[in-house]
Amino acid sequence: MAEDFNTRVIREFRENEGRVGPPFEGAPMILVHHRGRRTGAGFVAPLVYQAVGDGFAVFASKAGAPTHPEWYANLLASPETTVEVGGEHGGAEVAVRVRELTGAERDEVWEEQKRRSPGFAEYEVEAAPRVIPVLLLERR
């Protein structure tokens, strides 16, 4: 059976101290652990992030889809979780608390992400009128 996309990215991340190949090559990556809000099952989402202070901003872009990704709702339902950050803590999980950014705080981080990675500007256009949520994962 062929390895699915997320499974491949997660494997590459763990085998290469947080570095992965295309299409995310060179982008800062994080593995976000979350629990299904209905099932309680554990999941891992490989995401591009932006460092914000001591935390990590992630973007519920779903590659410009018209709906939010499942991990977004799962994290809001259970905001205390863990992440894996490449090169940090010897691959150990870091405890975080999730907070959704709103207003000017969200806009500042979102605009910086579009500047750093123009593909996010494309996601914004494709997702419209959906506003792409920005979550801040703050270390606990």
Protein backbone atom coordinates (compact mmCIF):
# COMPACT_ATOMS: atom_id res chain seq x y z
CA MET A 1 0.00 0.00 0.00
CA ALA A 2 1.34 3.42 -0.95
CA GLU A 3 2.28 5.80 1.84
CA ASP A 4 -0.15 8.74 2.01
CA PHE A 5 1.08 12.33 1.75
CA ASN A 6 0.90 13.28 5.45
CA THR A 7 2.46 9.99 6.54
CA ARG A 8 5.39 10.61 4.17
CA VAL A 9 5.89 14.18 5.45
CA ILE A 10 5.76 13.02 9.10
CA ARG A 11 8.26 10.23 8.40
CA GLU A 12 10.65 12.61 6.59
CA PHE A 13 10.33 15.15 9.42
CA ARG A 14 11.22 12.61 12.09
CA GLU A 15 14.06 11.04 10.10
CA ASN A 16 15.68 14.38 9.17
CA GLU A 17 15.47 16.56 12.30
CA GLY A 18 12.45 18.47 11.01
CA ARG A 19 13.50 18.85 7.38
CA VAL A 20 11.25 17.57 4.61
CA GLY A 21 11.31 17.49 0.84
CA PRO A 22 8.97 19.06 -1.70
CA PRO A 23 6.55 20.72 -1.56
CA PHE A 24 7.63 21.97 1.89
CA GLU A 25 11.39 21.89 1.38
CA GLY A 26 13.01 24.78 3.25
CA ALA A 27 9.82 25.78 5.09
CA PRO A 28 9.72 25.65 8.90
CA MET A 29 7.67 22.58 9.79
CA ILE A 30 5.99 21.43 13.00
CA LEU A 31 4.10 18.26 13.87
CA VAL A 32 0.96 19.13 15.82
CA HIS A 33 -0.62 16.39 17.90
CA HIS A 34 -4.39 16.58 18.36
CA ARG A 35 -7.33 14.42 19.47
CA GLY A 36 -10.45 13.87 17.43
CA ARG A 37 -13.21 15.84 19.11
CA ARG A 38 -15.76 13.10 18.44
CA THR A 39 -13.62 9.96 18.53
CA GLY A 40 -10.82 10.86 20.93
CA ALA A 41 -8.38 9.22 18.50
CA GLY A 42 -4.89 10.69 18.31
CA PHE A 43 -3.69 12.40 15.13
CA VAL A 44 -0.61 14.28 13.94
CA ALA A 45 -0.81 17.16 11.47
CA PRO A 46 2.39 18.25 9.69
CA LEU A 47 2.14 22.03 9.27
CA VAL A 48 4.18 24.99 8.15
CA TYR A 49 4.63 27.41 11.03
CA GLN A 50 5.86 30.91 11.77
CA ALA A 51 7.79 31.59 14.98
CA VAL A 52 5.96 34.23 17.03
CA GLY A 53 7.85 35.07 20.19
CA ASP A 54 8.41 31.77 21.98
CA GLY A 55 5.40 30.20 20.23
CA PHE A 56 4.40 28.86 16.85
CA ALA A 57 1.69 30.27 14.58
CA VAL A 58 -0.06 27.75 12.31
CA PHE A 59 -2.55 28.46 9.56
CA ALA A 60 -5.78 26.55 8.89
CA SER A 61 -5.51 27.14 5.14
CA LYS A 62 -6.32 23.61 3.98
CA ALA A 63 -4.56 24.64 0.74
CA GLY A 64 -7.34 27.13 -0.02
CA ALA A 65 -10.28 24.75 0.45
CA PRO A 66 -13.69 26.26 1.29
CA THR A 67 -13.80 24.54 4.72
CA HIS A 68 -11.54 24.53 7.75
CA PRO A 69 -9.31 21.47 8.31
CA GLU A 70 -10.41 18.98 10.97
CA TRP A 71 -7.29 19.62 13.05
CA TYR A 72 -8.44 23.22 13.55
CA ALA A 73 -11.70 22.21 15.27
CA ASN A 74 -9.91 19.47 17.21
CA LEU A 75 -7.36 21.94 18.61
CA LEU A 76 -10.05 24.41 19.63
CA ALA A 77 -11.93 21.60 21.40
CA SER A 78 -8.77 20.41 23.24
CA PRO A 79 -6.33 23.34 23.34
CA GLU A 80 -3.66 21.70 25.52
CA THR A 81 -1.51 19.47 23.35
CA THR A 82 2.03 18.78 22.19
CA VAL A 83 4.11 19.55 19.12
CA GLU A 84 7.35 18.29 17.61
CA VAL A 85 9.68 20.98 16.31
CA GLY A 86 12.61 20.05 14.10
CA GLY A 87 15.99 20.28 15.74
CA GLU A 88 14.57 21.20 19.15
CA HIS A 89 14.65 19.11 22.30
CA GLY A 90 16.18 16.12 20.54
CA GLY A 91 12.88 15.37 18.82
CA ALA A 92 10.95 15.40 22.09
CA GLU A 93 7.43 16.72 22.23
CA VAL A 94 6.90 20.26 23.51
CA ALA A 95 3.77 21.03 25.55
CA VAL A 96 1.68 23.90 24.13
CA ARG A 97 -1.63 25.66 24.66
CA VAL A 98 -3.60 26.71 21.58
CA ARG A 99 -5.05 30.20 21.20
CA GLU A 100 -6.85 31.52 18.13
CA LEU A 101 -5.60 34.91 17.02
CA THR A 102 -8.17 37.55 16.08
CA GLY A 103 -8.29 41.13 14.88
CA ALA A 104 -5.06 43.07 14.41
CA GLU A 105 -3.02 40.35 16.13
CA ARG A 106 -4.20 37.77 13.59
CA ASP A 107 -3.80 40.14 10.65
CA GLU A 108 -0.20 41.01 11.55
CA VAL A 109 0.86 37.35 11.71
CA TRP A 110 -1.15 36.43 8.59
CA GLU A 111 0.33 39.27 6.50
CA GLU A 112 3.84 38.25 7.55
CA GLN A 113 3.13 34.65 6.56
CA LYS A 114 1.95 35.73 3.11
CA ARG A 115 5.13 37.80 2.76
CA ARG A 116 7.33 34.84 3.77
CA SER A 117 5.44 32.27 1.75
CA PRO A 118 3.39 33.73 -1.14
CA GLY A 119 1.48 30.45 -1.57
CA PHE A 120 -0.55 31.47 1.49
CA ALA A 121 -1.80 34.54 -0.41
CA GLU A 122 -3.05 32.15 -3.10
CA TYR A 123 -4.78 30.03 -0.44
CA GLU A 124 -6.50 33.17 0.84
CA VAL A 125 -7.92 33.94 -2.62
CA GLU A 126 -8.99 30.34 -3.21
CA ALA A 127 -10.63 30.01 0.23
CA ALA A 128 -12.63 33.27 -0.02
CA PRO A 129 -14.99 34.15 1.45
CA ARG A 130 -13.68 31.88 4.21
CA VAL A 131 -11.20 33.70 6.45
CA ILE A 132 -8.22 31.43 7.16
CA PRO A 133 -7.81 31.02 10.93
CA VAL A 134 -4.45 31.59 12.60
CA LEU A 135 -3.68 29.65 15.78
CA LEU A 136 -0.84 30.43 18.16
CA LEU A 137 0.67 27.44 19.94
CA GLU A 138 2.19 28.87 23.12
CA ARG A 139 4.67 26.84 25.17
CA ARG A 140 3.37 25.65 28.55
